[in-house]
Amino acid sequence: MDDEALERAWTEIVEHWDDQARHERFVALGDALDRLPEIARRYRAVKEANDARGEVATHCLDAITRRALSRMSSTPRQAPPTRSRLEWIAFGVSVALGAAALWQVLRAM
């Protein structure tokens, strides 16, 4: 269904290219459907075709970039996972056993 809605909206955009409101709604739809890369590809193809529509496509690509950057900055960063006390104890025991084994090997020589 999302693909159909996106395809219908793109068809309308192509038919009514000079309608800026349609472009804004299309970019908002792509953002809502989490499909910004796909709609950026569509606008980039129009821009690279050296068509008279390139200026509008450039403007829309800028809008897509702003939305994507806004999304990235609003996404909370997760703290790196911390080691539990049990993991540190297990690590310490492993190091101690390894050192004891090395000591025994060296002593036997």
Protein backbone atom coordinates (compact mmCIF):
# COMPACT_ATOMS: atom_id res chain seq x y z
CA MET A 1 0.00 0.00 0.00
CA ASP A 2 2.83 2.40 0.81
CA ASP A 3 4.39 1.74 -2.58
CA GLU A 4 1.09 2.45 -4.30
CA ALA A 5 0.58 5.71 -2.43
CA LEU A 6 4.11 6.81 -3.22
CA GLU A 7 3.73 5.88 -6.89
CA ARG A 8 0.38 7.69 -7.20
CA ALA A 9 1.83 10.78 -5.54
CA TRP A 10 4.85 10.74 -7.87
CA THR A 11 2.57 10.43 -10.91
CA GLU A 12 0.67 13.50 -9.72
CA ILE A 13 3.95 15.35 -9.17
CA VAL A 14 5.09 14.62 -12.72
CA GLU A 15 1.74 15.74 -14.14
CA HIS A 16 1.65 18.96 -12.08
CA TRP A 17 5.36 19.74 -11.76
CA ASP A 18 4.97 23.45 -11.04
CA ASP A 19 2.69 22.91 -8.03
CA GLN A 20 5.03 23.49 -5.08
CA ALA A 21 2.43 22.33 -2.55
CA ARG A 22 2.35 18.88 -4.17
CA HIS A 23 6.12 18.63 -3.90
CA GLU A 24 5.96 19.55 -0.21
CA ARG A 25 3.26 16.95 0.42
CA PHE A 26 5.27 14.33 -1.48
CA VAL A 27 8.38 15.00 0.60
CA ALA A 28 6.26 14.86 3.77
CA LEU A 29 4.75 11.55 2.59
CA GLY A 30 8.21 10.13 1.95
CA ASP A 31 9.28 11.24 5.41
CA ALA A 32 6.21 9.71 7.04
CA LEU A 33 6.76 6.42 5.20
CA ASP A 34 10.49 6.50 6.00
CA ARG A 35 11.30 6.54 2.27
CA LEU A 36 13.35 9.73 1.95
CA PRO A 37 16.21 7.97 0.09
CA GLU A 38 13.79 6.67 -2.53
CA ILE A 39 12.17 10.02 -3.21
CA ALA A 40 15.59 11.66 -3.28
CA ARG A 41 16.59 9.20 -6.02
CA ARG A 42 13.52 10.20 -8.03
CA TYR A 43 14.28 13.90 -7.76
CA ARG A 44 17.99 13.31 -8.45
CA ALA A 45 17.09 11.48 -11.68
CA VAL A 46 15.02 14.47 -12.79
CA LYS A 47 17.83 16.87 -11.89
CA GLU A 48 20.45 14.82 -13.76
CA ALA A 49 18.25 14.67 -16.87
CA ASN A 50 19.16 18.36 -17.43
CA ASP A 51 15.49 19.01 -17.84
CA ALA A 52 13.84 22.38 -17.25
CA ARG A 53 12.53 20.76 -14.08
CA GLY A 54 16.01 20.59 -12.57
CA GLU A 55 15.65 23.75 -10.50
CA VAL A 56 12.53 22.47 -8.74
CA ALA A 57 14.20 19.07 -8.25
CA THR A 58 17.21 20.78 -6.65
CA HIS A 59 14.92 22.67 -4.29
CA CYS A 60 13.16 19.43 -3.33
CA LEU A 61 16.47 17.63 -2.80
CA ASP A 62 17.46 20.42 -0.41
CA ALA A 63 14.18 19.97 1.47
CA ILE A 64 14.76 16.21 1.67
CA THR A 65 18.28 16.77 3.00
CA ARG A 66 16.99 19.16 5.66
CA ARG A 67 14.39 16.62 6.77
CA ALA A 68 16.93 13.81 6.91
CA LEU A 69 19.37 15.91 8.94
CA SER A 70 16.58 16.99 11.25
CA ARG A 71 15.69 13.37 11.84
CA MET A 72 19.29 12.48 12.61
CA SER A 73 19.70 15.28 15.13
CA SER A 74 16.46 14.42 16.91
CA THR A 75 17.31 10.74 17.28
CA PRO A 76 18.63 10.16 20.80
CA ARG A 77 22.06 8.63 21.01
CA GLN A 78 22.39 5.48 23.00
CA ALA A 79 25.12 5.22 25.59
CA PRO A 80 27.59 2.43 24.96
CA PRO A 81 26.78 -0.68 26.96
CA THR A 82 28.52 -0.90 30.30
CA ARG A 83 29.95 -4.06 31.78
CA SER A 84 28.16 -5.58 34.71
CA ARG A 85 29.94 -6.41 37.94
CA LEU A 86 29.69 -10.12 37.13
CA GLU A 87 31.40 -9.62 33.78
CA TRP A 88 34.29 -7.77 35.44
CA ILE A 89 34.66 -10.55 38.02
CA ALA A 90 34.66 -13.19 35.27
CA PHE A 91 37.26 -11.19 33.36
CA GLY A 92 39.45 -10.91 36.48
CA VAL A 93 39.19 -14.63 37.20
CA SER A 94 40.08 -15.43 33.58
CA VAL A 95 43.15 -13.20 33.71
CA ALA A 96 44.22 -14.73 37.04
CA LEU A 97 43.83 -18.29 35.69
CA GLY A 98 45.75 -17.39 32.54
CA ALA A 99 48.55 -15.84 34.58
CA ALA A 100 48.67 -18.90 36.88
CA ALA A 101 48.87 -21.25 33.88
CA LEU A 102 51.66 -19.17 32.35
CA TRP A 103 53.51 -19.17 35.67
CA GLN A 104 53.30 -22.97 35.87
CA VAL A 105 54.58 -23.38 32.30
CA LEU A 106 57.49 -21.01 32.91
CA ARG A 107 58.34 -22.62 36.25
CA ALA A 108 58.41 -26.10 34.71
CA MET A 109 61.07 -25.05 32.19
